[in-house]
Amino acid sequence: MIYNLINGAAVLVGGLLGMLIGRFLPKKISDTLMKAIALGVMYIGISTMLTDANSLIVLLCLTVGVVIGELFKIEDGINALGQYIETRVRKKEQEKLNMSIIEKDQIDASSDVSLNNGSVKSARPKKPDIATGFVSSIILFCSGSMAIVGSIQAGLLNDGSTLLAKSVLDGVVGMIYATTMGFGVLLSSIPLVLYQGLFVLLASSISSLLSAASITLISTVGGIIILGIGINLMFDTKIRIGSFIPAVFIPIVLSALNLI
């Protein structure tokens, strides 16, 4: 669970830095940081997948898992959920904007009276919308495969390398987001810790029921998925990583059926 808490703390620190100094960070530096993190994620994926697991069974887990993921459209579902929430938030933003325009028109209409009284009320500077930053950050930090796979690895194998890499990634992205979205980015660390903590606890609860072979398989398959995430980050490719998530659970099923 400590790795999950570190992830939440990284979002807090990154968000604070973004609110304080993020505006002074050149885009070139932030882009290069993202590429450096992508290389680190790829390294973690490769080092995690290099085990003595049976290659044919690994391939079977990936094949069956991806077929299940595509049949249930997991990747599409994750994206659709994120887009739905974002659309709802943007709709509320538009409603607030329309109201502010109406209020501005009313102020303009009464400006002559204000001038005669010798006091003109200036419009307050617009602050970043906390709800927008909060929701957008939750979608970004929680909807990816890295959150699920990393939490399962932490719970089953006590391996926090993926969550630690995600912490660095989330910290940098949180800093960039907080530059424009403000305090809402910091608040998103709370549901992030709760969401990932649920997967960590579930994985921990079944770890004693799994064989050593199944745990090795989970590590190998998880490493391959992490490598895919790193490739997406590095090369802006569109590997449908969400559809790979069921592959992590195939070794658990095989172990329950005493097939491995």
C-alpha atoms as a PDB file:
ATOM      1  CA  MET A   1       0.000   0.000   0.000  1.00  0.00           C
ATOM      2  CA  ILE A   2       2.979   2.301   0.574  1.00  0.00           C
ATOM      3  CA  TYR A   3       3.617   2.521  -3.183  1.00  0.00           C
ATOM      4  CA  ASN A   4       0.034   3.646  -3.718  1.00  0.00           C
ATOM      5  CA  LEU A   5       0.423   6.378  -1.102  1.00  0.00           C
ATOM      6  CA  ILE A   6       3.649   7.502  -2.791  1.00  0.00           C
ATOM      7  CA  ASN A   7       1.683   7.832  -6.045  1.00  0.00           C
ATOM      8  CA  GLY A   8      -0.875  10.062  -4.339  1.00  0.00           C
ATOM      9  CA  ALA A   9       1.889  12.133  -2.729  1.00  0.00           C
ATOM     10  CA  ALA A  10       3.590  12.546  -6.125  1.00  0.00           C
ATOM     11  CA  VAL A  11       0.400  14.065  -7.549  1.00  0.00           C
ATOM     12  CA  LEU A  12       0.232  16.475  -4.593  1.00  0.00           C
ATOM     13  CA  VAL A  13       3.861  17.540  -4.949  1.00  0.00           C
ATOM     14  CA  GLY A  14       3.631  17.823  -8.734  1.00  0.00           C
ATOM     15  CA  GLY A  15       0.420  19.817  -8.480  1.00  0.00           C
ATOM     16  CA  LEU A  16       1.923  22.217  -5.942  1.00  0.00           C
ATOM     17  CA  LEU A  17       4.998  22.728  -8.099  1.00  0.00           C
ATOM     18  CA  GLY A  18       2.760  23.342 -11.098  1.00  0.00           C
ATOM     19  CA  MET A  19       0.777  26.009  -9.265  1.00  0.00           C
ATOM     20  CA  LEU A  20       3.980  27.695  -8.032  1.00  0.00           C
ATOM     21  CA  ILE A  21       6.518  27.417 -10.850  1.00  0.00           C
ATOM     22  CA  GLY A  22       4.848  25.451 -13.661  1.00  0.00           C
ATOM     23  CA  ARG A  23       4.247  28.523 -15.801  1.00  0.00           C
ATOM     24  CA  PHE A  24       8.001  29.099 -15.970  1.00  0.00           C
ATOM     25  CA  LEU A  25       8.762  25.561 -17.242  1.00  0.00           C
ATOM     26  CA  PRO A  26       9.601  25.574 -20.983  1.00  0.00           C
ATOM     27  CA  LYS A  27       7.578  23.168 -23.105  1.00  0.00           C
ATOM     28  CA  LYS A  28      10.783  21.601 -24.428  1.00  0.00           C
ATOM     29  CA  ILE A  29      11.741  20.496 -20.913  1.00  0.00           C
ATOM     30  CA  SER A  30       8.316  19.017 -20.153  1.00  0.00           C
ATOM     31  CA  ASP A  31       8.310  17.123 -23.470  1.00  0.00           C
ATOM     32  CA  THR A  32      11.779  15.713 -22.832  1.00  0.00           C
ATOM     33  CA  LEU A  33      10.767  14.721 -19.296  1.00  0.00           C
ATOM     34  CA  MET A  34       7.838  12.742 -20.701  1.00  0.00           C
ATOM     35  CA  LYS A  35      10.149  10.899 -23.110  1.00  0.00           C
ATOM     36  CA  ALA A  36      12.598  10.133 -20.304  1.00  0.00           C
ATOM     37  CA  ILE A  37       9.764   8.700 -18.216  1.00  0.00           C
ATOM     38  CA  ALA A  38       8.607   6.643 -21.198  1.00  0.00           C
ATOM     39  CA  LEU A  39      12.075   5.102 -21.479  1.00  0.00           C
ATOM     40  CA  GLY A  40      11.976   4.297 -17.763  1.00  0.00           C
ATOM     41  CA  VAL A  41       8.566   2.643 -18.116  1.00  0.00           C
ATOM     42  CA  MET A  42       9.852   0.549 -21.024  1.00  0.00           C
ATOM     43  CA  TYR A  43      12.855  -0.536 -18.950  1.00  0.00           C
ATOM     44  CA  ILE A  44      10.601  -1.577 -16.044  1.00  0.00           C
ATOM     45  CA  GLY A  45       8.401  -3.536 -18.444  1.00  0.00           C
ATOM     46  CA  ILE A  46      11.366  -5.381 -19.958  1.00  0.00           C
ATOM     47  CA  SER A  47      12.964  -6.167 -16.587  1.00  0.00           C
ATOM     48  CA  THR A  48       9.619  -7.394 -15.200  1.00  0.00           C
ATOM     49  CA  MET A  49       8.798  -9.635 -18.152  1.00  0.00           C
ATOM     50  CA  LEU A  50      12.169 -11.411 -18.115  1.00  0.00           C
ATOM     51  CA  THR A  51      11.259 -14.443 -16.006  1.00  0.00           C
ATOM     52  CA  ASP A  52      11.401 -18.219 -16.390  1.00  0.00           C
ATOM     53  CA  ALA A  53       7.692 -18.388 -17.260  1.00  0.00           C
ATOM     54  CA  ASN A  54       6.652 -20.790 -20.021  1.00  0.00           C
ATOM     55  CA  SER A  55       6.601 -18.742 -23.238  1.00  0.00           C
ATOM     56  CA  LEU A  56       3.701 -20.694 -24.739  1.00  0.00           C
ATOM     57  CA  ILE A  57       1.532 -20.140 -21.672  1.00  0.00           C
ATOM     58  CA  VAL A  58       2.440 -16.438 -21.683  1.00  0.00           C
ATOM     59  CA  LEU A  59       1.377 -16.244 -25.325  1.00  0.00           C
ATOM     60  CA  LEU A  60      -1.844 -18.113 -24.465  1.00  0.00           C
ATOM     61  CA  CYS A  61      -2.616 -15.651 -21.649  1.00  0.00           C
ATOM     62  CA  LEU A  62      -2.027 -12.685 -23.919  1.00  0.00           C
ATOM     63  CA  THR A  63      -4.088 -14.147 -26.755  1.00  0.00           C
ATOM     64  CA  VAL A  64      -7.066 -15.141 -24.623  1.00  0.00           C
ATOM     65  CA  GLY A  65      -6.886 -11.936 -22.617  1.00  0.00           C
ATOM     66  CA  VAL A  66      -6.817  -9.675 -25.676  1.00  0.00           C
ATOM     67  CA  VAL A  67      -9.701 -11.575 -27.292  1.00  0.00           C
ATOM     68  CA  ILE A  68     -11.764 -11.112 -24.124  1.00  0.00           C
ATOM     69  CA  GLY A  69     -10.744  -7.469 -23.907  1.00  0.00           C
ATOM     70  CA  GLU A  70     -11.778  -6.783 -27.496  1.00  0.00           C
ATOM     71  CA  LEU A  71     -15.042  -8.728 -27.209  1.00  0.00           C
ATOM     72  CA  PHE A  72     -16.024  -6.693 -24.151  1.00  0.00           C
ATOM     73  CA  LYS A  73     -14.551  -3.520 -25.711  1.00  0.00           C
ATOM     74  CA  ILE A  74     -12.659  -2.644 -22.535  1.00  0.00           C
ATOM     75  CA  GLU A  75     -10.452  -0.043 -24.227  1.00  0.00           C
ATOM     76  CA  ASP A  76     -13.471   1.598 -25.851  1.00  0.00           C
ATOM     77  CA  GLY A  77     -15.358   1.496 -22.562  1.00  0.00           C
ATOM     78  CA  ILE A  78     -12.540   3.226 -20.681  1.00  0.00           C
ATOM     79  CA  ASN A  79     -12.288   5.916 -23.340  1.00  0.00           C
ATOM     80  CA  ALA A  80     -16.077   6.345 -23.532  1.00  0.00           C
ATOM     81  CA  LEU A  81     -16.339   6.757 -19.759  1.00  0.00           C
ATOM     82  CA  GLY A  82     -13.629   9.394 -19.763  1.00  0.00           C
ATOM     83  CA  GLN A  83     -15.220  11.251 -22.669  1.00  0.00           C
ATOM     84  CA  TYR A  84     -18.670  11.095 -21.037  1.00  0.00           C
ATOM     85  CA  ILE A  85     -17.404  12.595 -17.775  1.00  0.00           C
ATOM     86  CA  GLU A  86     -15.408  15.234 -19.633  1.00  0.00           C
ATOM     87  CA  THR A  87     -18.428  16.150 -21.773  1.00  0.00           C
ATOM     88  CA  ARG A  88     -20.619  16.541 -18.693  1.00  0.00           C
ATOM     89  CA  VAL A  89     -18.044  18.791 -17.042  1.00  0.00           C
ATOM     90  CA  ARG A  90     -17.597  20.896 -20.195  1.00  0.00           C
ATOM     91  CA  LYS A  91     -21.372  21.258 -20.465  1.00  0.00           C
ATOM     92  CA  LYS A  92     -21.527  22.645 -16.943  1.00  0.00           C
ATOM     93  CA  GLU A  93     -18.622  24.935 -17.776  1.00  0.00           C
ATOM     94  CA  GLN A  94     -20.505  26.257 -20.786  1.00  0.00           C
ATOM     95  CA  GLU A  95     -23.575  26.885 -18.647  1.00  0.00           C
ATOM     96  CA  LYS A  96     -21.440  28.848 -16.171  1.00  0.00           C
ATOM     97  CA  LEU A  97     -19.894  30.790 -19.055  1.00  0.00           C
ATOM     98  CA  ASN A  98     -23.326  31.677 -20.423  1.00  0.00           C
ATOM     99  CA  MET A  99     -24.412  32.871 -16.986  1.00  0.00           C
ATOM    100  CA  SER A 100     -21.269  34.984 -16.639  1.00  0.00           C
ATOM    101  CA  ILE A 101     -21.967  36.581 -20.042  1.00  0.00           C
ATOM    102  CA  ILE A 102     -25.502  37.449 -18.922  1.00  0.00           C
ATOM    103  CA  GLU A 103     -24.166  38.917 -15.671  1.00  0.00           C
ATOM    104  CA  LYS A 104     -21.559  40.931 -17.614  1.00  0.00           C
ATOM    105  CA  ASP A 105     -24.269  42.332 -19.885  1.00  0.00           C
ATOM    106  CA  GLN A 106     -26.239  43.348 -16.800  1.00  0.00           C
ATOM    107  CA  ILE A 107     -23.168  45.059 -15.333  1.00  0.00           C
ATOM    108  CA  ASP A 108     -22.510  46.878 -18.605  1.00  0.00           C
ATOM    109  CA  ALA A 109     -26.132  48.036 -18.686  1.00  0.00           C
ATOM    110  CA  SER A 110     -25.792  49.562 -15.222  1.00  0.00           C
ATOM    111  CA  SER A 111     -22.294  50.984 -15.758  1.00  0.00           C
ATOM    112  CA  ASP A 112     -23.622  54.528 -16.274  1.00  0.00           C
ATOM    113  CA  VAL A 113     -25.223  54.445 -12.843  1.00  0.00           C
ATOM    114  CA  SER A 114     -22.010  53.152 -11.306  1.00  0.00           C
ATOM    115  CA  LEU A 115     -20.013  55.918 -12.978  1.00  0.00           C
ATOM    116  CA  ASN A 116     -22.372  58.575 -11.646  1.00  0.00           C
ATOM    117  CA  ASN A 117     -21.912  57.177  -8.140  1.00  0.00           C
ATOM    118  CA  GLY A 118     -18.135  57.353  -8.602  1.00  0.00           C
ATOM    119  CA  SER A 119     -17.557  53.627  -8.136  1.00  0.00           C
ATOM    120  CA  VAL A 120     -16.979  51.137 -10.896  1.00  0.00           C
ATOM    121  CA  LYS A 121     -16.803  47.457  -9.948  1.00  0.00           C
ATOM    122  CA  SER A 122     -14.085  45.718 -11.914  1.00  0.00           C
ATOM    123  CA  ALA A 123     -14.557  42.101 -12.907  1.00  0.00           C
ATOM    124  CA  ARG A 124     -12.642  39.654 -10.768  1.00  0.00           C
ATOM    125  CA  PRO A 125      -9.918  37.662 -12.521  1.00  0.00           C
ATOM    126  CA  LYS A 126     -11.165  34.258 -13.485  1.00  0.00           C
ATOM    127  CA  LYS A 127      -9.755  31.462 -11.353  1.00  0.00           C
ATOM    128  CA  PRO A 128      -9.147  27.935 -12.632  1.00  0.00           C
ATOM    129  CA  ASP A 129     -12.240  25.746 -12.354  1.00  0.00           C
ATOM    130  CA  ILE A 130     -11.581  23.271  -9.504  1.00  0.00           C
ATOM    131  CA  ALA A 131     -14.174  20.781 -10.783  1.00  0.00           C
ATOM    132  CA  THR A 132     -12.618  20.717 -14.243  1.00  0.00           C
ATOM    133  CA  GLY A 133      -9.121  20.125 -12.902  1.00  0.00           C
ATOM    134  CA  PHE A 134     -10.410  17.496 -10.472  1.00  0.00           C
ATOM    135  CA  VAL A 135     -12.370  15.462 -13.022  1.00  0.00           C
ATOM    136  CA  SER A 136      -9.817  15.772 -15.808  1.00  0.00           C
ATOM    137  CA  SER A 137      -7.031  14.632 -13.489  1.00  0.00           C
ATOM    138  CA  ILE A 138      -9.013  11.653 -12.199  1.00  0.00           C
ATOM    139  CA  ILE A 139      -9.632  10.512 -15.766  1.00  0.00           C
ATOM    140  CA  LEU A 140      -5.956  10.906 -16.600  1.00  0.00           C
ATOM    141  CA  PHE A 141      -4.518   9.232 -13.493  1.00  0.00           C
ATOM    142  CA  CYS A 142      -7.053   6.427 -12.989  1.00  0.00           C
ATOM    143  CA  SER A 143      -8.293   5.358 -16.423  1.00  0.00           C
ATOM    144  CA  GLY A 144      -4.984   4.003 -17.710  1.00  0.00           C
ATOM    145  CA  SER A 145      -3.883   0.385 -17.628  1.00  0.00           C
ATOM    146  CA  MET A 146      -0.807   1.317 -15.614  1.00  0.00           C
ATOM    147  CA  ALA A 147      -2.940   2.030 -12.540  1.00  0.00           C
ATOM    148  CA  ILE A 148      -4.568  -1.415 -12.625  1.00  0.00           C
ATOM    149  CA  VAL A 149      -1.528  -3.494 -13.576  1.00  0.00           C
ATOM    150  CA  GLY A 150       0.752  -1.623 -11.176  1.00  0.00           C
ATOM    151  CA  SER A 151      -1.690  -2.065  -8.291  1.00  0.00           C
ATOM    152  CA  ILE A 152      -2.061  -5.790  -8.996  1.00  0.00           C
ATOM    153  CA  GLN A 153       1.724  -6.199  -9.083  1.00  0.00           C
ATOM    154  CA  ALA A 154       2.037  -4.333  -5.792  1.00  0.00           C
ATOM    155  CA  GLY A 155      -0.657  -6.464  -4.146  1.00  0.00           C
ATOM    156  CA  LEU A 156       0.369  -9.874  -5.509  1.00  0.00           C
ATOM    157  CA  LEU A 157       4.134  -9.595  -5.787  1.00  0.00           C
ATOM    158  CA  ASN A 158       4.918  -6.726  -3.418  1.00  0.00           C
ATOM    159  CA  ASP A 159       6.555  -5.167  -6.481  1.00  0.00           C
ATOM    160  CA  GLY A 160       6.035  -1.430  -6.524  1.00  0.00           C
ATOM    161  CA  SER A 161       8.284  -0.595  -9.472  1.00  0.00           C
ATOM    162  CA  THR A 162       5.381   0.099 -11.820  1.00  0.00           C
ATOM    163  CA  LEU A 163       3.532   2.280  -9.316  1.00  0.00           C
ATOM    164  CA  LEU A 164       6.764   4.156  -8.556  1.00  0.00           C
ATOM    165  CA  ALA A 165       7.281   4.811 -12.264  1.00  0.00           C
ATOM    166  CA  LYS A 166       3.646   5.898 -12.478  1.00  0.00           C
ATOM    167  CA  SER A 167       4.272   8.214  -9.519  1.00  0.00           C
ATOM    168  CA  VAL A 168       7.006  10.028 -11.430  1.00  0.00           C
ATOM    169  CA  LEU A 169       4.808  10.185 -14.524  1.00  0.00           C
ATOM    170  CA  ASP A 170       1.773  11.443 -12.596  1.00  0.00           C
ATOM    171  CA  GLY A 171       3.902  13.975 -10.742  1.00  0.00           C
ATOM    172  CA  VAL A 172       5.215  15.516 -13.960  1.00  0.00           C
ATOM    173  CA  VAL A 173       1.804  15.458 -15.661  1.00  0.00           C
ATOM    174  CA  GLY A 174       0.175  16.829 -12.502  1.00  0.00           C
ATOM    175  CA  MET A 175       2.655  19.720 -12.518  1.00  0.00           C
ATOM    176  CA  ILE A 176       1.776  20.513 -16.132  1.00  0.00           C
ATOM    177  CA  TYR A 177      -1.984  20.218 -15.503  1.00  0.00           C
ATOM    178  CA  ALA A 178      -1.908  22.321 -12.330  1.00  0.00           C
ATOM    179  CA  THR A 179      -0.322  25.193 -14.251  1.00  0.00           C
ATOM    180  CA  THR A 180      -3.691  25.856 -15.882  1.00  0.00           C
ATOM    181  CA  MET A 181      -6.214  23.809 -13.855  1.00  0.00           C
ATOM    182  CA  GLY A 182      -5.129  24.736 -10.363  1.00  0.00           C
ATOM    183  CA  PHE A 183      -6.156  23.171  -7.061  1.00  0.00           C
ATOM    184  CA  GLY A 184      -8.465  20.537  -8.558  1.00  0.00           C
ATOM    185  CA  VAL A 185      -5.417  18.554  -9.686  1.00  0.00           C
ATOM    186  CA  LEU A 186      -4.252  18.220  -6.075  1.00  0.00           C
ATOM    187  CA  LEU A 187      -7.680  17.019  -4.937  1.00  0.00           C
ATOM    188  CA  SER A 188      -7.599  14.202  -7.501  1.00  0.00           C
ATOM    189  CA  SER A 189      -4.911  12.446  -5.427  1.00  0.00           C
ATOM    190  CA  ILE A 190      -7.606  11.304  -2.959  1.00  0.00           C
ATOM    191  CA  PRO A 191      -9.767   9.211  -5.351  1.00  0.00           C
ATOM    192  CA  LEU A 192      -6.549   8.023  -7.031  1.00  0.00           C
ATOM    193  CA  VAL A 193      -5.291   6.478  -3.773  1.00  0.00           C
ATOM    194  CA  LEU A 194      -8.720   4.953  -3.042  1.00  0.00           C
ATOM    195  CA  TYR A 195      -9.101   3.531  -6.563  1.00  0.00           C
ATOM    196  CA  GLN A 196      -5.662   1.954  -6.741  1.00  0.00           C
ATOM    197  CA  GLY A 197      -5.839   0.881  -3.109  1.00  0.00           C
ATOM    198  CA  LEU A 198      -8.897  -1.230  -3.918  1.00  0.00           C
ATOM    199  CA  PHE A 199      -6.942  -3.207  -6.518  1.00  0.00           C
ATOM    200  CA  VAL A 200      -3.969  -3.569  -4.164  1.00  0.00           C
ATOM    201  CA  LEU A 201      -6.175  -4.965  -1.386  1.00  0.00           C
ATOM    202  CA  LEU A 202      -8.018  -7.346  -3.728  1.00  0.00           C
ATOM    203  CA  ALA A 203      -4.751  -8.646  -5.142  1.00  0.00           C
ATOM    204  CA  SER A 204      -3.254  -9.054  -1.659  1.00  0.00           C
ATOM    205  CA  SER A 205      -6.271 -11.029  -0.495  1.00  0.00           C
ATOM    206  CA  ILE A 206      -5.796 -13.733  -3.139  1.00  0.00           C
ATOM    207  CA  SER A 207      -1.996 -13.822  -3.263  1.00  0.00           C
ATOM    208  CA  SER A 208      -1.802 -16.715  -0.771  1.00  0.00           C
ATOM    209  CA  LEU A 209      -4.148 -18.791  -2.945  1.00  0.00           C
ATOM    210  CA  LEU A 210      -1.979 -18.632  -6.059  1.00  0.00           C
ATOM    211  CA  SER A 211       0.822 -20.962  -7.060  1.00  0.00           C
ATOM    212  CA  ALA A 212       4.350 -19.743  -7.679  1.00  0.00           C
ATOM    213  CA  ALA A 213       3.949 -20.490 -11.405  1.00  0.00           C
ATOM    214  CA  SER A 214       0.832 -18.333 -11.700  1.00  0.00           C
ATOM    215  CA  ILE A 215       2.484 -15.425  -9.884  1.00  0.00           C
ATOM    216  CA  THR A 216       5.450 -15.658 -12.277  1.00  0.00           C
ATOM    217  CA  LEU A 217       3.046 -15.630 -15.210  1.00  0.00           C
ATOM    218  CA  ILE A 218       1.251 -12.574 -13.845  1.00  0.00           C
ATOM    219  CA  SER A 219       4.587 -10.796 -13.500  1.00  0.00           C
ATOM    220  CA  THR A 220       5.587 -11.662 -17.069  1.00  0.00           C
ATOM    221  CA  VAL A 221       2.280 -10.690 -18.632  1.00  0.00           C
ATOM    222  CA  GLY A 222       2.164  -7.506 -16.572  1.00  0.00           C
ATOM    223  CA  GLY A 223       5.676  -6.630 -17.727  1.00  0.00           C
ATOM    224  CA  ILE A 224       4.657  -7.021 -21.369  1.00  0.00           C
ATOM    225  CA  ILE A 225       1.686  -4.711 -20.800  1.00  0.00           C
ATOM    226  CA  ILE A 226       3.910  -2.144 -19.066  1.00  0.00           C
ATOM    227  CA  LEU A 227       6.298  -2.312 -22.033  1.00  0.00           C
ATOM    228  CA  GLY A 228       3.334  -1.572 -24.321  1.00  0.00           C
ATOM    229  CA  ILE A 229       2.436   1.458 -22.201  1.00  0.00           C
ATOM    230  CA  GLY A 230       5.998   2.714 -22.493  1.00  0.00           C
ATOM    231  CA  ILE A 231       5.924   2.267 -26.267  1.00  0.00           C
ATOM    232  CA  ASN A 232       2.697   4.274 -26.469  1.00  0.00           C
ATOM    233  CA  LEU A 233       4.240   7.047 -24.380  1.00  0.00           C
ATOM    234  CA  MET A 234       7.465   7.127 -26.359  1.00  0.00           C
ATOM    235  CA  PHE A 235       6.218   6.828 -29.930  1.00  0.00           C
ATOM    236  CA  ASP A 236       2.611   8.119 -29.648  1.00  0.00           C
ATOM    237  CA  THR A 237       1.385   4.766 -30.984  1.00  0.00           C
ATOM    238  CA  LYS A 238      -2.115   3.423 -30.415  1.00  0.00           C
ATOM    239  CA  ILE A 239      -1.622  -0.033 -28.908  1.00  0.00           C
ATOM    240  CA  ARG A 240      -4.994  -0.786 -27.303  1.00  0.00           C
ATOM    241  CA  ILE A 241      -3.505  -1.527 -23.894  1.00  0.00           C
ATOM    242  CA  GLY A 242      -6.896  -1.535 -22.188  1.00  0.00           C
ATOM    243  CA  SER A 243      -7.797  -4.706 -24.076  1.00  0.00           C
ATOM    244  CA  PHE A 244      -4.712  -6.430 -22.619  1.00  0.00           C
ATOM    245  CA  ILE A 245      -5.888  -6.065 -19.002  1.00  0.00           C
ATOM    246  CA  PRO A 246      -7.819  -9.395 -18.880  1.00  0.00           C
ATOM    247  CA  ALA A 247      -4.565 -11.188 -19.737  1.00  0.00           C
ATOM    248  CA  VAL A 248      -3.314 -10.444 -16.202  1.00  0.00           C
ATOM    249  CA  PHE A 249      -6.202 -12.449 -14.761  1.00  0.00           C
ATOM    250  CA  ILE A 250      -5.852 -15.516 -17.009  1.00  0.00           C
ATOM    251  CA  PRO A 251      -3.059 -17.025 -14.835  1.00  0.00           C
ATOM    252  CA  ILE A 252      -5.360 -16.705 -11.821  1.00  0.00           C
ATOM    253  CA  VAL A 253      -8.050 -18.689 -13.641  1.00  0.00           C
ATOM    254  CA  LEU A 254      -5.524 -21.315 -14.745  1.00  0.00           C
ATOM    255  CA  SER A 255      -4.276 -21.638 -11.174  1.00  0.00           C
ATOM    256  CA  ALA A 256      -7.812 -21.988  -9.827  1.00  0.00           C
ATOM    257  CA  LEU A 257      -8.403 -24.825 -12.336  1.00  0.00           C
ATOM    258  CA  ASN A 258      -5.103 -26.463 -11.304  1.00  0.00           C
ATOM    259  CA  LEU A 259      -3.835 -26.222 -14.875  1.00  0.00           C
ATOM    260  CA  ILE A 260      -0.548 -24.628 -13.849  1.00  0.00           C
END
